[in-house]
Each structure stands twice: as C-alpha cells, then as structure tokens.
Amino acid sequence: MAFQNILFDLDGTLTESGPGITRSVQYALHQMGIEEPDLQKLEPFVGPPLNLSFRERYGMNEEETGRAIHYFRESYDTKGIYENNVYPGVRELLQMLHEQGSRLAIASSKPEPMVHRVLEHFGIAGYFDVIVGSHVEEELDNKMGADNKLLMVKKALQGLGLSVEPEAAEDPEHVMTGRPETLRQDRRKSYAMVGDRSFDMNGARANHVTAVGVSYGYGSRRELEEAGADFIADTVEELGRILTAYGD
C-alpha cells in the first residue's frame, strides 16, 4: 500500500536541474573574481542551501555570500531555471501516486517562487497539495545553513495537517526522546520524504518520517546511507515500487 503522504525534494529528485544551477554558480563565481571552468566540480551546489555552499566551499563571509547569491539569481532567474528537465518516469510516478490517493508535497530549499515556476513550467504543479520553498531571508540567513531543509520539511508536513517539532537529526537517541513509539511508527508508515542529498534524509529523520533516498540525483548512495536513509532507489521505477509497497 502506498504512503498516504509523500514529500519530495525538487532538484535532483524530480528534475535534472544541474546544468542551470552549475552554470549560474559559475557566473556568480566569475562575478566574484573566481574562475571555475569545470561544471562538474560545481554539482555539489545542487540541493543544499546556496549560502551554505558558498560559505563552506569558497570560504565566503556573510557579505560575500549575499553578493554571490545575488549574482547567482541574475543568471538563474532568467535563464538557468529553464536549463532543466523532468527525469524520465517522474510524470507517470506522480500520476500513479495521485490516482492512488496519496497526498503529495514539495519541500525544497529553492526559493518558493522559483519552485512554483519550475513546477508550472513542466506542467506538474497540479499534482501537489502543498508546495514549500524558502523565503529570501531564509536563503540569506547564514546562521540557518543545513537547518534550512529541516524547516522546509516541517512546513510541508504542517501544510499536510501534521503538527511537528523537528529535533536534531544527528543524534538518533535524541530524536526519539519523549515520543511514544506507536505514534512514531504510525507517522513513519504514513509519511515519507524523498530526496537525493543528506540534507533531505536529515530533514526526514528530524521530523520522524520515513527517509527515502534517490541515487540517480546529485548525491551518492554512500552519502544517503551515511545520512540514515531507510530506503534508496537507484531509478524512478524503483522509487515507485518503494513508495507503493512500504507505506500504510
């Protein structure tokens, strides 16, 4: 039986957005006086919050990070957003889950207006009951960093009607503190979060929902395993089997 409520990451999970994102990062770095000709080296930017990536990978301070994100948006908002494709089989998967009665949501670190533009551009917005992305202040908040995805998952779950208080994903014992076992099990049977990066798995675990990783995106199987994925799908077809076989 399919999971009743399924949250999806966007970049690297539903859409192959790497070309547009990496070219826009390349443009932003150029504007900051940094040359990076190899787009593959910029693929780790796909998925995590931009402020975290610019800060950790290029040692930028708060002011520099804000400028880099501004330059990124100059390129991405007009061109890069459309250098993107829906992964083969995703439309069929969403249609199948929708017809089976699952409620679907998006939980993305991408700015929410951009999320809507991508979904509408590809004609798949109508499958989702809830669409959550970050706001400008959240994207620029250097204190938030990796916690951005935990917040997006929490907001999406709340949009689906679930009251949640996420806890630290890094400590499994802390995650379980004060939670009746039956309630946790019921939530994990009914709710799943699907994504291609460790941030997605951490967001799922912190919010006590099943973590489903996809290795066809921009994160490795090892990254997903180390982040505590409950299931890992190597293809969209395998993802469909997981989502329809292990829910309640």
C-alpha atoms as a PDB file:
ATOM      1  CA  MET A   1       0.000   0.000   0.000  1.00  0.00           C
ATOM      2  CA  ALA A   2       1.309   3.448  -0.883  1.00  0.00           C
ATOM      3  CA  PHE A   3       2.444   6.022   1.659  1.00  0.00           C
ATOM      4  CA  GLN A   4      -0.509   8.309   2.333  1.00  0.00           C
ATOM      5  CA  ASN A   5       1.622  11.471   2.423  1.00  0.00           C
ATOM      6  CA  ILE A   6       4.787  11.918   0.361  1.00  0.00           C
ATOM      7  CA  LEU A   7       7.142  14.894   0.397  1.00  0.00           C
ATOM      8  CA  PHE A   8       9.545  15.409  -2.498  1.00  0.00           C
ATOM      9  CA  ASP A   9      12.696  17.426  -2.868  1.00  0.00           C
ATOM     10  CA  LEU A  10      12.801  19.113  -6.288  1.00  0.00           C
ATOM     11  CA  ASP A  11      16.344  19.496  -7.666  1.00  0.00           C
ATOM     12  CA  GLY A  12      17.954  16.118  -8.320  1.00  0.00           C
ATOM     13  CA  THR A  13      14.817  14.249  -7.273  1.00  0.00           C
ATOM     14  CA  LEU A  14      12.068  15.269  -9.690  1.00  0.00           C
ATOM     15  CA  THR A  15      14.107  17.404 -12.086  1.00  0.00           C
ATOM     16  CA  GLU A  16      17.605  17.223 -13.531  1.00  0.00           C
ATOM     17  CA  SER A  17      18.452  20.821 -12.716  1.00  0.00           C
ATOM     18  CA  GLY A  18      22.237  20.546 -12.599  1.00  0.00           C
ATOM     19  CA  PRO A  19      23.086  22.345 -15.863  1.00  0.00           C
ATOM     20  CA  GLY A  20      21.189  25.511 -14.989  1.00  0.00           C
ATOM     21  CA  ILE A  21      22.377  25.609 -11.390  1.00  0.00           C
ATOM     22  CA  THR A  22      26.046  24.915 -12.086  1.00  0.00           C
ATOM     23  CA  ARG A  23      26.220  27.477 -14.911  1.00  0.00           C
ATOM     24  CA  SER A  24      24.614  30.069 -12.672  1.00  0.00           C
ATOM     25  CA  VAL A  25      27.088  29.269  -9.883  1.00  0.00           C
ATOM     26  CA  GLN A  26      29.905  29.552 -12.423  1.00  0.00           C
ATOM     27  CA  TYR A  27      28.597  33.004 -13.413  1.00  0.00           C
ATOM     28  CA  ALA A  28      28.341  34.093  -9.770  1.00  0.00           C
ATOM     29  CA  LEU A  29      31.892  32.953  -9.026  1.00  0.00           C
ATOM     30  CA  HIS A  30      33.167  34.801 -12.108  1.00  0.00           C
ATOM     31  CA  GLN A  31      31.496  37.985 -10.860  1.00  0.00           C
ATOM     32  CA  MET A  32      33.249  37.417  -7.533  1.00  0.00           C
ATOM     33  CA  GLY A  33      36.633  37.053  -9.261  1.00  0.00           C
ATOM     34  CA  ILE A  34      36.786  33.254  -9.064  1.00  0.00           C
ATOM     35  CA  GLU A  35      37.147  31.190 -12.245  1.00  0.00           C
ATOM     36  CA  GLU A  36      35.870  27.599 -12.302  1.00  0.00           C
ATOM     37  CA  PRO A  37      35.778  26.109 -15.818  1.00  0.00           C
ATOM     38  CA  ASP A  38      34.760  22.593 -14.699  1.00  0.00           C
ATOM     39  CA  LEU A  39      30.986  22.494 -14.171  1.00  0.00           C
ATOM     40  CA  GLN A  40      31.185  19.016 -12.626  1.00  0.00           C
ATOM     41  CA  LYS A  41      33.064  20.488  -9.673  1.00  0.00           C
ATOM     42  CA  LEU A  42      30.040  22.703  -9.043  1.00  0.00           C
ATOM     43  CA  GLU A  43      27.472  19.884  -8.900  1.00  0.00           C
ATOM     44  CA  PRO A  44      27.634  19.769  -5.065  1.00  0.00           C
ATOM     45  CA  PHE A  45      25.773  23.100  -5.211  1.00  0.00           C
ATOM     46  CA  VAL A  46      22.679  21.245  -6.439  1.00  0.00           C
ATOM     47  CA  GLY A  47      20.409  20.659  -3.467  1.00  0.00           C
ATOM     48  CA  PRO A  48      21.970  22.292  -0.376  1.00  0.00           C
ATOM     49  CA  PRO A  49      21.156  25.893   0.594  1.00  0.00           C
ATOM     50  CA  LEU A  50      23.232  28.291  -1.508  1.00  0.00           C
ATOM     51  CA  ASN A  51      24.519  30.263   1.465  1.00  0.00           C
ATOM     52  CA  LEU A  52      25.912  27.083   2.994  1.00  0.00           C
ATOM     53  CA  SER A  53      27.598  26.011  -0.254  1.00  0.00           C
ATOM     54  CA  PHE A  54      29.251  29.362  -0.993  1.00  0.00           C
ATOM     55  CA  ARG A  55      30.422  29.664   2.599  1.00  0.00           C
ATOM     56  CA  GLU A  56      31.785  26.139   3.003  1.00  0.00           C
ATOM     57  CA  ARG A  57      33.263  25.638  -0.457  1.00  0.00           C
ATOM     58  CA  TYR A  58      34.754  29.075  -1.074  1.00  0.00           C
ATOM     59  CA  GLY A  59      35.189  30.466   2.439  1.00  0.00           C
ATOM     60  CA  MET A  60      32.921  33.442   1.823  1.00  0.00           C
ATOM     61  CA  ASN A  61      31.847  35.671   4.669  1.00  0.00           C
ATOM     62  CA  GLU A  62      28.276  36.884   5.150  1.00  0.00           C
ATOM     63  CA  GLU A  63      28.615  39.914   2.861  1.00  0.00           C
ATOM     64  CA  GLU A  64      30.350  37.931   0.116  1.00  0.00           C
ATOM     65  CA  THR A  65      27.763  35.162   0.350  1.00  0.00           C
ATOM     66  CA  GLY A  66      24.954  37.671  -0.125  1.00  0.00           C
ATOM     67  CA  ARG A  67      26.649  39.122  -3.218  1.00  0.00           C
ATOM     68  CA  ALA A  68      27.298  35.664  -4.677  1.00  0.00           C
ATOM     69  CA  ILE A  69      23.645  34.681  -4.231  1.00  0.00           C
ATOM     70  CA  HIS A  70      22.600  37.952  -5.897  1.00  0.00           C
ATOM     71  CA  TYR A  71      24.786  37.168  -8.930  1.00  0.00           C
ATOM     72  CA  PHE A  72      23.517  33.591  -8.998  1.00  0.00           C
ATOM     73  CA  ARG A  73      19.940  34.876  -9.161  1.00  0.00           C
ATOM     74  CA  GLU A  74      20.847  37.240 -12.009  1.00  0.00           C
ATOM     75  CA  SER A  75      21.677  34.219 -14.144  1.00  0.00           C
ATOM     76  CA  TYR A  76      19.346  31.575 -12.761  1.00  0.00           C
ATOM     77  CA  ASP A  77      16.117  33.576 -12.589  1.00  0.00           C
ATOM     78  CA  THR A  78      16.209  34.468 -16.279  1.00  0.00           C
ATOM     79  CA  LYS A  79      17.984  31.538 -17.926  1.00  0.00           C
ATOM     80  CA  GLY A  80      19.240  28.793 -15.627  1.00  0.00           C
ATOM     81  CA  ILE A  81      15.810  27.911 -14.286  1.00  0.00           C
ATOM     82  CA  TYR A  82      14.859  26.582 -17.722  1.00  0.00           C
ATOM     83  CA  GLU A  83      18.107  24.620 -18.258  1.00  0.00           C
ATOM     84  CA  ASN A  84      16.333  21.767 -16.560  1.00  0.00           C
ATOM     85  CA  ASN A  85      14.376  18.596 -17.350  1.00  0.00           C
ATOM     86  CA  VAL A  86      11.942  16.317 -15.543  1.00  0.00           C
ATOM     87  CA  TYR A  87      13.547  12.916 -15.012  1.00  0.00           C
ATOM     88  CA  PRO A  88      12.049  10.206 -17.257  1.00  0.00           C
ATOM     89  CA  GLY A  89       9.239   8.410 -15.469  1.00  0.00           C
ATOM     90  CA  VAL A  90       8.561  11.156 -12.908  1.00  0.00           C
ATOM     91  CA  ARG A  91       5.329  12.357 -14.529  1.00  0.00           C
ATOM     92  CA  GLU A  92       3.996   8.808 -14.598  1.00  0.00           C
ATOM     93  CA  LEU A  93       5.017   8.272 -10.965  1.00  0.00           C
ATOM     94  CA  LEU A  94       3.245  11.428  -9.796  1.00  0.00           C
ATOM     95  CA  GLN A  95       0.143  10.497 -11.778  1.00  0.00           C
ATOM     96  CA  MET A  96       0.086   6.998 -10.280  1.00  0.00           C
ATOM     97  CA  LEU A  97       0.515   8.240  -6.711  1.00  0.00           C
ATOM     98  CA  HIS A  98      -2.124  10.910  -7.236  1.00  0.00           C
ATOM     99  CA  GLU A  99      -4.612   8.374  -8.594  1.00  0.00           C
ATOM    100  CA  GLN A 100      -3.932   6.063  -5.639  1.00  0.00           C
ATOM    101  CA  GLY A 101      -4.941   8.831  -3.262  1.00  0.00           C
ATOM    102  CA  SER A 102      -1.564   9.832  -1.837  1.00  0.00           C
ATOM    103  CA  ARG A 103      -1.204  13.471  -0.863  1.00  0.00           C
ATOM    104  CA  LEU A 104       1.941  14.951  -2.385  1.00  0.00           C
ATOM    105  CA  ALA A 105       4.058  17.897  -1.262  1.00  0.00           C
ATOM    106  CA  ILE A 106       7.247  19.698  -2.262  1.00  0.00           C
ATOM    107  CA  ALA A 107       9.845  20.550   0.408  1.00  0.00           C
ATOM    108  CA  SER A 108      12.658  22.436  -1.337  1.00  0.00           C
ATOM    109  CA  SER A 109      15.436  24.799  -0.253  1.00  0.00           C
ATOM    110  CA  LYS A 110      14.909  26.668  -3.529  1.00  0.00           C
ATOM    111  CA  PRO A 111      13.034  29.996  -3.145  1.00  0.00           C
ATOM    112  CA  GLU A 112       9.319  29.271  -3.197  1.00  0.00           C
ATOM    113  CA  PRO A 113       8.507  31.468  -6.238  1.00  0.00           C
ATOM    114  CA  MET A 114      11.158  29.546  -8.197  1.00  0.00           C
ATOM    115  CA  VAL A 115       9.664  26.228  -7.100  1.00  0.00           C
ATOM    116  CA  HIS A 116       6.266  27.277  -8.434  1.00  0.00           C
ATOM    117  CA  ARG A 117       7.804  28.470 -11.720  1.00  0.00           C
ATOM    118  CA  VAL A 118       9.597  25.164 -12.291  1.00  0.00           C
ATOM    119  CA  LEU A 119       6.562  23.033 -11.464  1.00  0.00           C
ATOM    120  CA  GLU A 120       4.269  25.147 -13.620  1.00  0.00           C
ATOM    121  CA  HIS A 121       6.783  25.244 -16.479  1.00  0.00           C
ATOM    122  CA  PHE A 122       6.798  21.449 -16.619  1.00  0.00           C
ATOM    123  CA  GLY A 123       3.059  21.120 -16.036  1.00  0.00           C
ATOM    124  CA  ILE A 124       3.295  19.107 -12.810  1.00  0.00           C
ATOM    125  CA  ALA A 125       2.218  21.683 -10.205  1.00  0.00           C
ATOM    126  CA  GLY A 126      -1.301  20.266 -10.100  1.00  0.00           C
ATOM    127  CA  TYR A 127      -0.137  17.009  -8.538  1.00  0.00           C
ATOM    128  CA  PHE A 128       0.903  18.713  -5.298  1.00  0.00           C
ATOM    129  CA  ASP A 129      -1.349  19.599  -2.378  1.00  0.00           C
ATOM    130  CA  VAL A 130       1.393  21.594  -0.649  1.00  0.00           C
ATOM    131  CA  ILE A 131       4.381  23.430  -2.151  1.00  0.00           C
ATOM    132  CA  VAL A 132       7.043  24.755   0.216  1.00  0.00           C
ATOM    133  CA  GLY A 133      10.265  26.576  -0.597  1.00  0.00           C
ATOM    134  CA  SER A 134      12.500  29.012   1.241  1.00  0.00           C
ATOM    135  CA  HIS A 135      11.955  32.742   1.569  1.00  0.00           C
ATOM    136  CA  VAL A 136      14.621  35.329   0.743  1.00  0.00           C
ATOM    137  CA  GLU A 137      15.544  35.939   4.374  1.00  0.00           C
ATOM    138  CA  GLU A 138      15.926  32.190   4.957  1.00  0.00           C
ATOM    139  CA  GLU A 139      18.130  31.802   1.886  1.00  0.00           C
ATOM    140  CA  LEU A 140      20.425  34.610   3.050  1.00  0.00           C
ATOM    141  CA  ASP A 141      20.482  33.597   6.721  1.00  0.00           C
ATOM    142  CA  ASN A 142      23.997  32.269   7.302  1.00  0.00           C
ATOM    143  CA  LYS A 143      23.012  31.040  10.778  1.00  0.00           C
ATOM    144  CA  MET A 144      20.437  28.658   9.334  1.00  0.00           C
ATOM    145  CA  GLY A 145      22.639  26.677   6.936  1.00  0.00           C
ATOM    146  CA  ALA A 146      21.790  22.971   6.868  1.00  0.00           C
ATOM    147  CA  ASP A 147      18.788  23.546   9.162  1.00  0.00           C
ATOM    148  CA  ASN A 148      17.013  25.160   6.212  1.00  0.00           C
ATOM    149  CA  LYS A 149      15.872  21.776   4.908  1.00  0.00           C
ATOM    150  CA  LEU A 150      14.646  20.651   8.320  1.00  0.00           C
ATOM    151  CA  LEU A 151      12.441  23.755   8.385  1.00  0.00           C
ATOM    152  CA  MET A 152      11.144  23.180   4.837  1.00  0.00           C
ATOM    153  CA  VAL A 153      10.159  19.597   5.702  1.00  0.00           C
ATOM    154  CA  LYS A 154       8.468  20.786   8.885  1.00  0.00           C
ATOM    155  CA  LYS A 155       6.482  23.430   6.961  1.00  0.00           C
ATOM    156  CA  ALA A 156       5.401  20.901   4.324  1.00  0.00           C
ATOM    157  CA  LEU A 157       4.244  18.461   6.997  1.00  0.00           C
ATOM    158  CA  GLN A 158       2.304  21.232   8.688  1.00  0.00           C
ATOM    159  CA  GLY A 159       0.744  22.082   5.337  1.00  0.00           C
ATOM    160  CA  LEU A 160      -0.461  18.490   5.167  1.00  0.00           C
ATOM    161  CA  GLY A 161      -2.036  18.922   8.594  1.00  0.00           C
ATOM    162  CA  LEU A 162       0.618  17.314  10.811  1.00  0.00           C
ATOM    163  CA  SER A 163       1.836  19.123  13.930  1.00  0.00           C
ATOM    164  CA  VAL A 164       5.586  18.558  14.252  1.00  0.00           C
ATOM    165  CA  GLU A 165       8.574  19.805  16.210  1.00  0.00           C
ATOM    166  CA  PRO A 166      11.794  18.657  14.477  1.00  0.00           C
ATOM    167  CA  GLU A 167      14.788  17.663  16.581  1.00  0.00           C
ATOM    168  CA  ALA A 168      18.477  17.172  15.884  1.00  0.00           C
ATOM    169  CA  ALA A 169      18.893  14.526  13.175  1.00  0.00           C
ATOM    170  CA  GLU A 170      22.500  13.827  14.096  1.00  0.00           C
ATOM    171  CA  ASP A 171      21.582  12.111  17.375  1.00  0.00           C
ATOM    172  CA  PRO A 172      19.143   9.208  16.864  1.00  0.00           C
ATOM    173  CA  GLU A 173      18.624   8.793  20.621  1.00  0.00           C
ATOM    174  CA  HIS A 174      17.719  12.453  20.964  1.00  0.00           C
ATOM    175  CA  VAL A 175      15.315  12.191  18.042  1.00  0.00           C
ATOM    176  CA  MET A 176      13.375   9.510  19.893  1.00  0.00           C
ATOM    177  CA  THR A 177      13.221  11.330  23.238  1.00  0.00           C
ATOM    178  CA  GLY A 178       9.715  11.850  24.560  1.00  0.00           C
ATOM    179  CA  ARG A 179       7.979  10.336  21.515  1.00  0.00           C
ATOM    180  CA  PRO A 180       5.572   7.413  22.084  1.00  0.00           C
ATOM    181  CA  GLU A 181       6.830   4.542  19.962  1.00  0.00           C
ATOM    182  CA  THR A 182       3.441   3.803  18.426  1.00  0.00           C
ATOM    183  CA  LEU A 183       2.987   7.410  17.277  1.00  0.00           C
ATOM    184  CA  ARG A 184       6.453   7.447  15.696  1.00  0.00           C
ATOM    185  CA  GLN A 185       5.769   4.178  13.895  1.00  0.00           C
ATOM    186  CA  ASP A 186       2.400   5.393  12.640  1.00  0.00           C
ATOM    187  CA  ARG A 187       3.958   8.572  11.270  1.00  0.00           C
ATOM    188  CA  ARG A 188       6.766   6.684   9.542  1.00  0.00           C
ATOM    189  CA  LYS A 189       4.226   4.346   7.924  1.00  0.00           C
ATOM    190  CA  SER A 190       2.108   7.232   6.656  1.00  0.00           C
ATOM    191  CA  TYR A 191       4.696   9.896   5.763  1.00  0.00           C
ATOM    192  CA  ALA A 192       7.807   9.731   3.576  1.00  0.00           C
ATOM    193  CA  MET A 193      10.352  12.324   2.449  1.00  0.00           C
ATOM    194  CA  VAL A 194      12.117  11.679  -0.873  1.00  0.00           C
ATOM    195  CA  GLY A 195      15.390  13.360  -1.819  1.00  0.00           C
ATOM    196  CA  ASP A 196      18.846  12.929  -3.298  1.00  0.00           C
ATOM    197  CA  ARG A 197      21.060  14.555  -0.647  1.00  0.00           C
ATOM    198  CA  SER A 198      21.945  14.071   3.015  1.00  0.00           C
ATOM    199  CA  PHE A 199      20.030  17.265   3.846  1.00  0.00           C
ATOM    200  CA  ASP A 200      16.816  15.577   2.710  1.00  0.00           C
ATOM    201  CA  MET A 201      17.474  12.480   4.807  1.00  0.00           C
ATOM    202  CA  ASN A 202      18.330  14.586   7.851  1.00  0.00           C
ATOM    203  CA  GLY A 203      15.139  16.584   7.373  1.00  0.00           C
ATOM    204  CA  ALA A 204      13.111  13.384   7.244  1.00  0.00           C
ATOM    205  CA  ARG A 205      14.727  11.858  10.328  1.00  0.00           C
ATOM    206  CA  ALA A 206      14.478  15.051  12.373  1.00  0.00           C
ATOM    207  CA  ASN A 207      10.766  15.201  11.606  1.00  0.00           C
ATOM    208  CA  HIS A 208      10.209  11.471  12.285  1.00  0.00           C
ATOM    209  CA  VAL A 209       9.136  10.428   8.779  1.00  0.00           C
ATOM    210  CA  THR A 210      10.492   7.693   6.510  1.00  0.00           C
ATOM    211  CA  ALA A 211      13.629   8.821   4.647  1.00  0.00           C
ATOM    212  CA  VAL A 212      13.739   7.665   1.011  1.00  0.00           C
ATOM    213  CA  GLY A 213      16.907   8.482  -0.912  1.00  0.00           C
ATOM    214  CA  VAL A 214      17.366   8.504  -4.685  1.00  0.00           C
ATOM    215  CA  SER A 215      20.849   7.807  -6.027  1.00  0.00           C
ATOM    216  CA  TYR A 216      20.069   8.955  -9.582  1.00  0.00           C
ATOM    217  CA  GLY A 217      20.315  12.609  -8.482  1.00  0.00           C
ATOM    218  CA  TYR A 218      23.334  14.593  -7.298  1.00  0.00           C
ATOM    219  CA  GLY A 219      24.182  12.761  -4.087  1.00  0.00           C
ATOM    220  CA  SER A 220      25.911   9.398  -3.870  1.00  0.00           C
ATOM    221  CA  ARG A 221      24.489   6.196  -2.412  1.00  0.00           C
ATOM    222  CA  ARG A 222      27.150   6.411   0.305  1.00  0.00           C
ATOM    223  CA  GLU A 223      26.037   9.925   1.249  1.00  0.00           C
ATOM    224  CA  LEU A 224      22.447   8.733   1.560  1.00  0.00           C
ATOM    225  CA  GLU A 225      23.409   5.646   3.568  1.00  0.00           C
ATOM    226  CA  GLU A 226      25.529   7.669   5.989  1.00  0.00           C
ATOM    227  CA  ALA A 227      22.641  10.115   6.432  1.00  0.00           C
ATOM    228  CA  GLY A 228      20.396   7.263   7.566  1.00  0.00           C
ATOM    229  CA  ALA A 229      18.150   6.657   4.553  1.00  0.00           C
ATOM    230  CA  ASP A 230      15.542   3.979   5.247  1.00  0.00           C
ATOM    231  CA  PHE A 231      15.344   3.104   1.541  1.00  0.00           C
ATOM    232  CA  ILE A 232      17.420   4.036  -1.507  1.00  0.00           C
ATOM    233  CA  ALA A 233      16.106   3.928  -5.070  1.00  0.00           C
ATOM    234  CA  ASP A 234      18.536   3.804  -7.983  1.00  0.00           C
ATOM    235  CA  THR A 235      15.840   4.576 -10.568  1.00  0.00           C
ATOM    236  CA  VAL A 236      12.478   6.340 -10.729  1.00  0.00           C
ATOM    237  CA  GLU A 237      10.852   2.956 -11.319  1.00  0.00           C
ATOM    238  CA  GLU A 238      12.393   1.558  -8.130  1.00  0.00           C
ATOM    239  CA  LEU A 239      11.255   4.666  -6.269  1.00  0.00           C
ATOM    240  CA  GLY A 240       7.703   3.936  -7.353  1.00  0.00           C
ATOM    241  CA  ARG A 241       7.931   0.397  -6.017  1.00  0.00           C
ATOM    242  CA  ILE A 242       9.208   1.622  -2.652  1.00  0.00           C
ATOM    243  CA  LEU A 243       6.544   4.292  -2.271  1.00  0.00           C
ATOM    244  CA  THR A 244       3.718   1.905  -3.123  1.00  0.00           C
ATOM    245  CA  ALA A 245       4.923  -1.166  -1.212  1.00  0.00           C
ATOM    246  CA  TYR A 246       6.086   0.043   2.193  1.00  0.00           C
ATOM    247  CA  GLY A 247       3.526   2.616   3.290  1.00  0.00           C
ATOM    248  CA  ASP A 248       0.375   2.046   5.288  1.00  0.00           C
END
